Amino acid sequence: MPLFEHIVDTLDGIVWGAPLLILFLCVGLYLTVRTRGIQFRYLYHAHKLAFVRHDDFAPGDISHFQALMTALAGTIGIGSIAGVATAITLGGMGAIFWMWFSALFGMAIKYGEAIVAIKYRVTDEEGKMCGGPMYYIHHGLKWRWAAILFAIFGIFASFGIGNTVQSNSVALALADLFHINPLWSGIILMIIVGVSLIGGIKSIGRVVEILVPAMALFYMIGGMSVIIMRITSIPQAFALIFKSAFNGQSAVGGFVGASVMQAVQLGFSRGVFSSEAGMGSSPIAAAAAKTDTPGRQALISMCSVFITTGIVCTITGLVIALSGVFGEMGADGKLIDGSSLALHAFDKILPYGGMIVTIALIPFAYSTILAWAYYGEQCVEYLFGYRATKYYRITFTLITLPGAILGIHFIWNFANMMNGLMAFPNLIALLFLSNVVTEETLAFECILESEKRKNT
């Protein structure tokens, strides 16, 4: 392994060590207690709001639904397909259980992030809403140094999780299915991204509100078809997931085995990668939403964790478990990993199943790149002002190409490391702003009670 890749791999292990996992759990549990289990009490109501609520005349740039779809564009897809496959390859089937566990507390964190993002959002010189951790850390806590750190990490993360991981997964899928050279995949994707970044958040919102639901439904129907075809094996699959979560998993084929700690670490890190709970990226989209009160959009933002980790990640994990491809080696003699593993799992059970994964991956990756371009752009604007965003867009577009041709493990480790570095200042800020989250929650619940009385 080259020296630089070894350094990134080592730093990734340190960043996603026990301190961050403990911090994530503590913040998630604390916000769950302070909000009296908001993620359980209002889960149905939150999903209902996402699809029927419209605050067209409230402050903001995009609708509730567009904000949710933008957040989902940044999470659902590569993280829920290739991310799950990579977690299983490195941490065993037990990693799926720890993804579920992280989602329980991740919903409370996602709710808290959106609350403070909307409360402390500002309007820029172009009249657009700007918000996210850099603003609530700066204005809510007066910790400008921590806000600057988050913005720096956010820019680098946009190049990793938001760009190179996406282009890499698309290039691998196209190479596996159609034998297209990753270089050509990278060039085409780079051109499409460059053209698409001109319109800003409003055009992004219009694209993802159509693209994300359509592709999510397409992928879920394909995944459920596979699961139904192997429905008699589902009990054994769940038994393996739970057993491996607490006992580790022994070697299978090319898989060398994994300890419980590896399952926990990979499950949590890929769970956060998929839902982005605690990372601080999705509240940037939430801050742009048209909403009459922070609590309403916060509930809607919370839905993304349930949809990505609870539904899409579960489908991917079960398909891999039921297909029997876990641990198989590719034609190159290497362990099948990433999007290739998901593709082979679908292909083994469902005719043209690999085509489903590929067709889903490409638009998912495209929408994720657009969402993260916006996140990174907001970080750049916070640090350097609005005029600097055009230079960021150019850099972001150009970096799509090397992402398509670099090694997958280096890409994932770099992205993972940046995710963790973003999470530290964001999670600590949420702890110190928990009183604000509690106050806004109580105020919002009063509004809900008032609306309920009017409707009865």
Protein backbone atom coordinates (compact mmCIF):
# COMPACT_ATOMS: atom_id res chain seq x y z
CA MET A 1 0.00 0.00 0.00
CA PRO A 2 1.47 3.43 -0.93
CA LEU A 3 2.54 5.60 2.00
CA PHE A 4 -0.19 8.24 1.53
CA GLU A 5 -2.94 5.60 1.38
CA HIS A 6 -1.51 3.99 4.51
CA ILE A 7 -1.56 7.35 6.33
CA VAL A 8 -5.19 7.99 5.31
CA ASP A 9 -6.16 4.46 6.37
CA THR A 10 -4.51 4.95 9.78
CA LEU A 11 -6.09 8.38 10.35
CA ASP A 12 -9.49 7.01 9.34
CA GLY A 13 -9.20 4.35 12.02
CA ILE A 14 -8.27 6.96 14.62
CA VAL A 15 -11.07 9.38 13.69
CA TRP A 16 -13.70 6.62 13.77
CA GLY A 17 -12.38 5.16 17.00
CA ALA A 18 -14.14 4.88 20.35
CA PRO A 19 -14.27 8.67 21.14
CA LEU A 20 -16.45 9.54 18.13
CA LEU A 21 -18.70 6.50 18.54
CA ILE A 22 -19.21 7.33 22.22
CA LEU A 23 -19.85 11.00 21.40
CA PHE A 24 -22.45 10.03 18.77
CA LEU A 25 -24.23 7.72 21.21
CA CYS A 26 -24.15 10.24 24.05
CA VAL A 27 -25.52 13.09 21.94
CA GLY A 28 -28.18 10.87 20.37
CA LEU A 29 -29.27 9.47 23.73
CA TYR A 30 -29.20 12.90 25.39
CA LEU A 31 -31.33 14.53 22.67
CA THR A 32 -33.71 11.56 22.77
CA VAL A 33 -34.22 12.13 26.50
CA ARG A 34 -34.46 15.94 26.21
CA THR A 35 -37.06 15.70 23.42
CA ARG A 36 -38.89 12.82 25.13
CA GLY A 37 -38.28 10.42 22.27
CA ILE A 38 -39.29 12.78 19.48
CA GLN A 39 -38.22 10.26 16.84
CA PHE A 40 -40.68 7.67 18.17
CA ARG A 41 -43.60 9.93 19.12
CA TYR A 42 -43.79 11.82 15.82
CA LEU A 43 -42.43 9.36 13.24
CA TYR A 44 -45.74 8.95 11.40
CA HIS A 45 -46.57 12.67 11.64
CA ALA A 46 -43.13 13.57 10.31
CA HIS A 47 -43.60 11.49 7.16
CA LYS A 48 -47.08 12.90 6.68
CA LEU A 49 -45.72 16.46 6.89
CA ALA A 50 -43.03 15.70 4.31
CA PHE A 51 -45.56 14.82 1.63
CA VAL A 52 -48.52 17.12 2.35
CA ARG A 53 -47.24 20.26 4.09
CA HIS A 54 -46.61 23.42 2.05
CA ASP A 55 -45.49 26.72 3.59
CA ASP A 56 -45.15 28.55 0.29
CA PHE A 57 -45.15 32.04 1.80
CA ALA A 58 -42.79 31.30 4.71
CA PRO A 59 -39.14 32.43 4.60
CA GLY A 60 -36.90 30.09 2.62
CA ASP A 61 -35.80 29.06 -0.86
CA ILE A 62 -37.27 25.56 -1.37
CA SER A 63 -40.28 23.56 -0.15
CA HIS A 64 -40.32 21.08 2.76
CA PHE A 65 -40.39 18.21 0.29
CA GLN A 66 -37.55 19.62 -1.82
CA ALA A 67 -35.44 20.10 1.32
CA LEU A 68 -36.06 16.48 2.31
CA MET A 69 -35.29 15.24 -1.20
CA THR A 70 -32.09 17.33 -1.29
CA ALA A 71 -31.03 15.76 2.01
CA LEU A 72 -31.96 12.31 0.66
CA ALA A 73 -30.06 13.06 -2.54
CA GLY A 74 -26.97 13.48 -0.39
CA THR A 75 -27.54 10.19 1.42
CA ILE A 76 -29.70 7.63 -0.35
CA GLY A 77 -27.98 5.72 -3.14
CA ILE A 78 -24.23 5.24 -2.95
CA GLY A 79 -24.14 5.24 0.85
CA SER A 80 -27.14 2.95 1.01
CA ILE A 81 -25.86 0.59 -1.70
CA ALA A 82 -22.07 0.67 -2.05
CA GLY A 83 -21.64 1.89 1.56
CA VAL A 84 -23.56 -1.05 2.98
CA ALA A 85 -21.68 -3.50 0.75
CA THR A 86 -18.33 -2.07 1.86
CA ALA A 87 -19.34 -2.24 5.54
CA ILE A 88 -20.30 -5.91 5.16
CA THR A 89 -17.07 -6.73 3.30
CA LEU A 90 -14.92 -5.23 6.05
CA GLY A 91 -17.07 -5.72 9.16
CA GLY A 92 -19.18 -8.77 8.36
CA MET A 93 -22.97 -9.10 8.40
CA GLY A 94 -23.07 -7.79 11.98
CA ALA A 95 -22.36 -4.30 10.63
CA ILE A 96 -25.99 -4.14 9.43
CA PHE A 97 -27.29 -4.43 13.01
CA TRP A 98 -25.08 -1.55 14.16
CA MET A 99 -26.35 0.54 11.26
CA TRP A 100 -29.88 0.04 12.58
CA PHE A 101 -28.77 0.87 16.11
CA SER A 102 -27.08 4.09 15.00
CA ALA A 103 -30.27 5.11 13.16
CA LEU A 104 -32.38 5.04 16.35
CA PHE A 105 -30.33 7.82 17.88
CA GLY A 106 -29.43 9.34 14.53
CA MET A 107 -33.03 10.44 14.05
CA ALA A 108 -32.91 12.51 17.27
CA ILE A 109 -29.61 14.05 16.16
CA LYS A 110 -31.02 14.85 12.69
CA TYR A 111 -34.01 16.53 14.35
CA GLY A 112 -31.79 18.65 16.60
CA GLU A 113 -29.51 19.68 13.73
CA ALA A 114 -32.41 20.97 11.66
CA ILE A 115 -33.95 22.89 14.59
CA VAL A 116 -30.84 24.96 15.22
CA ALA A 117 -29.98 25.25 11.51
CA ILE A 118 -33.26 27.04 10.82
CA LYS A 119 -33.18 29.10 14.01
CA TYR A 120 -29.73 30.54 13.24
CA ARG A 121 -29.92 30.78 9.44
CA VAL A 122 -29.10 34.08 7.70
CA THR A 123 -29.76 35.72 4.32
CA ASP A 124 -26.78 36.34 2.02
CA GLU A 125 -26.16 39.23 -0.37
CA GLU A 126 -28.09 37.40 -3.13
CA GLY A 127 -31.16 37.07 -0.88
CA LYS A 128 -30.73 33.29 -0.41
CA MET A 129 -30.91 31.45 2.90
CA CYS A 130 -27.61 30.24 4.40
CA GLY A 131 -27.49 27.91 7.35
CA GLY A 132 -25.92 24.83 8.85
CA PRO A 133 -23.40 24.01 11.58
CA MET A 134 -21.01 26.82 10.68
CA TYR A 135 -23.81 29.31 11.36
CA TYR A 136 -25.30 27.79 14.51
CA ILE A 137 -21.84 27.19 15.95
CA HIS A 138 -20.87 30.79 15.14
CA HIS A 139 -24.08 32.61 16.09
CA GLY A 140 -25.47 30.19 18.67
CA LEU A 141 -22.28 29.47 20.62
CA LYS A 142 -19.96 32.28 19.43
CA TRP A 143 -17.27 29.68 18.63
CA ARG A 144 -16.05 31.09 15.34
CA TRP A 145 -12.91 28.90 15.41
CA ALA A 146 -15.06 25.74 15.55
CA ALA A 147 -17.33 27.06 12.80
CA ILE A 148 -14.27 27.63 10.60
CA LEU A 149 -13.02 24.11 11.31
CA PHE A 150 -16.37 22.61 10.38
CA ALA A 151 -16.51 24.60 7.14
CA ILE A 152 -13.00 23.42 6.17
CA PHE A 153 -13.86 19.79 6.91
CA GLY A 154 -17.15 20.24 5.03
CA ILE A 155 -15.37 21.42 1.88
CA PHE A 156 -13.00 18.43 1.90
CA ALA A 157 -15.90 16.08 2.70
CA SER A 158 -17.79 17.39 -0.33
CA PHE A 159 -14.84 16.30 -2.46
CA GLY A 160 -14.88 12.87 -0.78
CA ILE A 161 -18.34 11.59 0.15
CA GLY A 162 -20.04 14.05 -2.16
CA ASN A 163 -17.98 13.62 -5.28
CA THR A 164 -15.16 11.08 -5.61
CA VAL A 165 -17.05 8.25 -3.85
CA GLN A 166 -20.00 8.82 -6.17
CA SER A 167 -17.99 8.92 -9.40
CA ASN A 168 -15.93 5.91 -8.26
CA SER A 169 -19.00 3.78 -7.58
CA VAL A 170 -20.60 4.72 -10.90
CA ALA A 171 -17.38 3.96 -12.80
CA LEU A 172 -17.07 0.54 -11.11
CA ALA A 173 -20.70 -0.35 -11.85
CA LEU A 174 -20.40 0.67 -15.52
CA ALA A 175 -17.11 -1.21 -15.86
CA ASP A 176 -18.63 -4.38 -14.38
CA LEU A 177 -21.83 -4.31 -16.42
CA PHE A 178 -20.86 -2.68 -19.72
CA HIS A 179 -17.02 -2.89 -19.59
CA ILE A 180 -16.75 0.89 -19.97
CA ASN A 181 -13.34 2.33 -19.14
CA PRO A 182 -13.58 4.28 -15.82
CA LEU A 183 -11.73 7.16 -17.49
CA TRP A 184 -14.57 7.69 -19.96
CA SER A 185 -17.18 7.37 -17.20
CA GLY A 186 -15.35 10.05 -15.23
CA ILE A 187 -15.10 12.42 -18.18
CA ILE A 188 -18.83 12.15 -19.04
CA LEU A 189 -19.88 12.55 -15.40
CA MET A 190 -17.58 15.56 -15.01
CA ILE A 191 -19.19 17.31 -17.99
CA ILE A 192 -22.74 16.63 -16.76
CA VAL A 193 -21.92 17.88 -13.25
CA GLY A 194 -20.29 21.04 -14.56
CA VAL A 195 -23.37 21.93 -16.62
CA SER A 196 -25.73 21.17 -13.73
CA LEU A 197 -24.13 23.36 -11.07
CA ILE A 198 -25.14 26.63 -12.68
CA GLY A 199 -28.69 26.86 -11.30
CA GLY A 200 -28.03 26.72 -7.53
CA ILE A 201 -30.25 25.28 -4.79
CA LYS A 202 -33.58 26.07 -6.47
CA SER A 203 -32.77 24.11 -9.62
CA ILE A 204 -31.20 21.34 -7.52
CA GLY A 205 -34.43 21.15 -5.51
CA ARG A 206 -36.52 20.86 -8.66
CA VAL A 207 -34.33 18.06 -10.05
CA VAL A 208 -34.09 15.94 -6.90
CA GLU A 209 -37.79 16.16 -6.00
CA ILE A 210 -38.47 14.14 -9.17
CA LEU A 211 -35.29 12.08 -9.51
CA VAL A 212 -34.82 10.81 -5.94
CA PRO A 213 -38.34 9.41 -5.29
CA ALA A 214 -38.45 7.76 -8.71
CA MET A 215 -35.06 6.07 -8.35
CA ALA A 216 -35.64 5.12 -4.69
CA LEU A 217 -38.91 3.44 -5.61
CA PHE A 218 -37.28 1.69 -8.56
CA TYR A 219 -34.46 0.33 -6.38
CA MET A 220 -36.75 -0.70 -3.52
CA ILE A 221 -39.09 -2.59 -5.85
CA GLY A 222 -36.09 -4.45 -7.31
CA GLY A 223 -34.71 -5.21 -3.85
CA MET A 224 -38.05 -6.38 -2.49
CA SER A 225 -38.44 -8.66 -5.51
CA VAL A 226 -35.15 -10.35 -4.61
CA ILE A 227 -36.18 -10.67 -0.96
CA ILE A 228 -39.55 -12.19 -1.86
CA MET A 229 -37.85 -14.72 -4.14
CA ARG A 230 -35.71 -15.90 -1.19
CA ILE A 231 -38.31 -15.29 1.52
CA THR A 232 -37.80 -18.70 3.14
CA SER A 233 -34.17 -17.79 3.90
CA ILE A 234 -34.97 -14.50 5.64
CA PRO A 235 -34.96 -15.96 9.21
CA GLN A 236 -31.45 -17.37 8.67
CA ALA A 237 -30.28 -14.02 7.25
CA PHE A 238 -31.53 -12.12 10.31
CA ALA A 239 -30.05 -14.75 12.61
CA LEU A 240 -26.65 -14.27 10.94
CA ILE A 241 -26.89 -10.49 11.24
CA PHE A 242 -27.70 -10.58 14.97
CA LYS A 243 -25.18 -13.32 15.74
CA SER A 244 -22.36 -11.56 13.89
CA ALA A 245 -23.18 -8.25 15.60
CA PHE A 246 -22.28 -9.65 19.03
CA ASN A 247 -19.87 -12.50 18.22
CA GLY A 248 -18.03 -11.30 15.14
CA GLN A 249 -17.92 -13.31 11.93
CA SER A 250 -15.51 -16.00 10.85
CA ALA A 251 -13.83 -16.18 7.46
CA VAL A 252 -16.00 -16.93 4.43
CA GLY A 253 -14.36 -17.47 1.02
CA GLY A 254 -12.14 -14.44 0.42
CA PHE A 255 -13.52 -12.66 3.51
CA VAL A 256 -10.87 -12.89 6.25
CA GLY A 257 -13.29 -12.54 9.17
CA ALA A 258 -14.26 -9.62 11.41
CA SER A 259 -14.37 -8.89 15.12
CA VAL A 260 -17.29 -7.34 17.02
CA MET A 261 -15.38 -4.04 17.19
CA GLN A 262 -14.96 -4.04 13.42
CA ALA A 263 -18.70 -4.66 12.99
CA VAL A 264 -19.53 -1.81 15.40
CA GLN A 265 -17.06 0.61 13.83
CA LEU A 266 -18.04 -0.16 10.23
CA GLY A 267 -21.76 -0.27 11.07
CA PHE A 268 -21.70 3.11 12.79
CA SER A 269 -19.43 4.80 10.26
CA ARG A 270 -21.36 3.53 7.22
CA GLY A 271 -24.65 4.19 9.04
CA VAL A 272 -23.63 7.80 9.50
CA PHE A 273 -22.31 7.83 5.94
CA SER A 274 -25.74 6.70 4.74
CA SER A 275 -27.98 8.90 6.91
CA GLU A 276 -25.46 11.72 7.55
CA ALA A 277 -26.93 12.08 11.05
CA GLY A 278 -24.48 14.04 13.18
CA MET A 279 -22.25 15.02 10.29
CA GLY A 280 -23.89 18.42 9.86
CA SER A 281 -24.40 18.26 6.09
CA SER A 282 -28.17 17.79 5.80
CA PRO A 283 -29.05 20.76 8.09
CA ILE A 284 -27.52 22.93 5.37
CA ALA A 285 -30.38 21.78 3.11
CA ALA A 286 -32.92 22.08 5.94
CA ALA A 287 -31.91 25.72 6.47
CA ALA A 288 -33.03 26.54 2.92
CA ALA A 289 -36.57 25.21 3.45
CA LYS A 290 -39.68 27.38 3.50
CA THR A 291 -41.07 26.78 6.98
CA ASP A 292 -43.14 28.70 9.50
CA THR A 293 -41.34 27.17 12.50
CA PRO A 294 -38.06 25.25 12.96
CA GLY A 295 -39.77 22.24 14.53
CA ARG A 296 -41.83 21.44 11.46
CA GLN A 297 -38.89 21.13 9.08
CA ALA A 298 -36.88 19.35 11.79
CA LEU A 299 -39.47 16.55 11.90
CA ILE A 300 -39.33 16.28 8.12
CA SER A 301 -35.51 16.17 8.15
CA MET A 302 -35.68 13.34 10.68
CA CYS A 303 -37.49 11.19 8.09
CA SER A 304 -34.36 10.88 5.96
CA VAL A 305 -32.63 8.66 8.56
CA PHE A 306 -35.55 6.23 8.64
CA ILE A 307 -35.81 6.12 4.85
CA THR A 308 -32.10 5.66 4.12
CA THR A 309 -30.90 3.42 6.95
CA GLY A 310 -34.16 1.81 8.03
CA ILE A 311 -35.44 0.94 4.55
CA VAL A 312 -32.87 1.24 1.74
CA CYS A 313 -29.82 0.03 3.69
CA THR A 314 -31.82 -2.89 5.06
CA ILE A 315 -32.89 -3.93 1.56
CA THR A 316 -29.27 -3.83 0.33
CA GLY A 317 -27.99 -5.81 3.32
CA LEU A 318 -30.68 -8.48 3.03
CA VAL A 319 -30.12 -8.91 -0.72
CA ILE A 320 -26.39 -9.51 -0.09
CA ALA A 321 -27.14 -11.89 2.78
CA LEU A 322 -29.72 -13.86 0.78
CA SER A 323 -27.70 -14.06 -2.44
CA GLY A 324 -24.71 -15.93 -1.03
CA VAL A 325 -22.16 -13.78 -2.91
CA PHE A 326 -20.56 -12.49 0.31
CA GLY A 327 -16.90 -13.56 0.32
CA GLU A 328 -16.70 -14.34 -3.40
CA MET A 329 -13.65 -13.35 -5.44
CA GLY A 330 -13.73 -11.47 -8.71
CA ALA A 331 -12.02 -12.35 -11.99
CA ASP A 332 -9.03 -10.27 -10.86
CA GLY A 333 -8.56 -12.50 -7.81
CA LYS A 334 -9.67 -9.80 -5.38
CA LEU A 335 -12.59 -9.85 -2.96
CA ILE A 336 -15.74 -8.41 -4.57
CA ASP A 337 -16.49 -5.13 -2.79
CA GLY A 338 -18.51 -1.91 -2.94
CA SER A 339 -21.11 -1.40 -5.63
CA SER A 340 -19.77 -4.49 -7.44
CA LEU A 341 -20.87 -6.69 -4.51
CA ALA A 342 -24.39 -5.25 -4.56
CA LEU A 343 -24.52 -5.64 -8.34
CA HIS A 344 -23.49 -9.33 -8.16
CA ALA A 345 -25.95 -9.99 -5.33
CA PHE A 346 -28.88 -8.72 -7.39
CA ASP A 347 -27.61 -10.45 -10.53
CA LYS A 348 -27.40 -13.86 -8.87
CA ILE A 349 -31.09 -13.98 -7.92
CA LEU A 350 -32.94 -11.66 -10.28
CA PRO A 351 -32.65 -11.73 -14.08
CA TYR A 352 -30.87 -8.53 -15.11
CA GLY A 353 -30.64 -7.67 -11.39
CA GLY A 354 -27.26 -6.03 -11.87
CA MET A 355 -28.91 -3.67 -14.31
CA ILE A 356 -31.24 -2.50 -11.51
CA VAL A 357 -28.29 -1.55 -9.31
CA THR A 358 -26.48 0.20 -12.14
CA ILE A 359 -29.57 2.11 -13.30
CA ALA A 360 -30.23 3.17 -9.70
CA LEU A 361 -26.60 4.07 -8.92
CA ILE A 362 -26.07 6.50 -11.77
CA PRO A 363 -28.93 8.96 -11.04
CA PHE A 364 -28.41 8.52 -7.29
CA ALA A 365 -24.75 9.42 -7.66
CA TYR A 366 -25.63 12.35 -9.87
CA SER A 367 -28.19 13.73 -7.38
CA THR A 368 -25.77 13.17 -4.49
CA ILE A 369 -23.05 15.10 -6.28
CA LEU A 370 -25.46 18.00 -6.82
CA ALA A 371 -26.56 18.01 -3.17
CA TRP A 372 -22.99 17.92 -1.86
CA ALA A 373 -21.90 20.59 -4.29
CA TYR A 374 -24.43 22.82 -2.54
CA TYR A 375 -23.19 21.80 0.91
CA GLY A 376 -19.58 22.50 0.00
CA GLU A 377 -20.55 25.75 -1.69
CA GLN A 378 -22.26 26.95 1.50
CA CYS A 379 -19.10 26.16 3.48
CA VAL A 380 -17.03 28.12 0.98
CA GLU A 381 -19.44 31.06 1.14
CA TYR A 382 -19.23 31.11 4.94
CA LEU A 383 -15.43 31.21 4.85
CA PHE A 384 -14.73 33.41 1.82
CA GLY A 385 -17.97 35.07 0.74
CA TYR A 386 -20.38 34.54 -2.15
CA ARG A 387 -17.93 35.49 -4.92
CA ALA A 388 -15.63 32.56 -4.04
CA THR A 389 -18.32 29.99 -4.81
CA LYS A 390 -17.70 30.04 -8.57
CA TYR A 391 -14.09 28.89 -8.03
CA TYR A 392 -15.35 26.11 -5.77
CA ARG A 393 -17.77 24.92 -8.46
CA ILE A 394 -14.95 24.68 -10.99
CA THR A 395 -12.72 22.72 -8.58
CA PHE A 396 -15.59 20.46 -7.54
CA THR A 397 -16.36 19.65 -11.17
CA LEU A 398 -12.74 18.87 -12.10
CA ILE A 399 -12.21 16.51 -9.15
CA THR A 400 -14.95 14.20 -10.45
CA LEU A 401 -12.52 12.67 -12.96
CA PRO A 402 -9.77 11.40 -10.60
CA GLY A 403 -12.52 10.07 -8.31
CA ALA A 404 -13.62 7.69 -11.05
CA ILE A 405 -10.19 6.11 -11.52
CA LEU A 406 -8.63 6.03 -8.01
CA GLY A 407 -8.66 2.90 -5.79
CA ILE A 408 -11.92 2.28 -3.93
CA HIS A 409 -10.45 1.69 -0.47
CA PHE A 410 -8.49 4.93 -0.58
CA ILE A 411 -11.63 6.79 -1.70
CA TRP A 412 -13.80 5.32 1.04
CA ASN A 413 -11.20 5.85 3.78
CA PHE A 414 -10.65 9.48 2.82
CA ALA A 415 -14.41 10.12 2.71
CA ASN A 416 -14.90 8.34 6.02
CA MET A 417 -12.19 10.41 7.68
CA MET A 418 -13.70 13.70 6.51
CA ASN A 419 -17.15 12.59 7.72
CA GLY A 420 -15.77 11.96 11.18
CA LEU A 421 -13.91 15.27 11.32
CA MET A 422 -17.14 17.10 10.41
CA ALA A 423 -19.04 15.23 13.11
CA PHE A 424 -16.83 16.22 16.05
CA PRO A 425 -17.53 20.00 16.14
CA ASN A 426 -21.14 19.47 15.06
CA LEU A 427 -21.99 16.92 17.77
CA ILE A 428 -20.29 18.95 20.49
CA ALA A 429 -22.21 22.05 19.37
CA LEU A 430 -25.51 20.13 19.53
CA LEU A 431 -24.78 19.18 23.13
CA PHE A 432 -24.27 22.82 24.09
CA LEU A 433 -27.33 23.91 22.09
CA SER A 434 -29.61 21.22 23.52
CA ASN A 435 -31.52 23.84 25.54
CA VAL A 436 -32.41 25.60 22.29
CA VAL A 437 -33.57 22.29 20.80
CA THR A 438 -35.74 21.63 23.86
CA GLU A 439 -37.26 25.13 23.87
CA GLU A 440 -38.08 25.02 20.16
CA THR A 441 -39.56 21.54 20.54
CA LEU A 442 -41.87 22.65 23.35
CA ALA A 443 -42.93 25.71 21.34
CA PHE A 444 -43.61 23.57 18.28
CA GLU A 445 -45.64 21.05 20.26
CA CYS A 446 -47.80 23.91 21.51
CA ILE A 447 -48.41 24.93 17.88
CA LEU A 448 -49.33 21.32 17.01
CA GLU A 449 -51.79 21.17 19.91
CA SER A 450 -53.36 24.44 18.81
CA GLU A 451 -53.70 23.17 15.22
CA LYS A 452 -55.23 19.94 16.50
CA ARG A 453 -57.87 21.80 18.50
CA LYS A 454 -58.78 23.92 15.46
CA ASN A 455 -59.29 20.80 13.36
CA THR A 456 -61.59 19.13 15.90
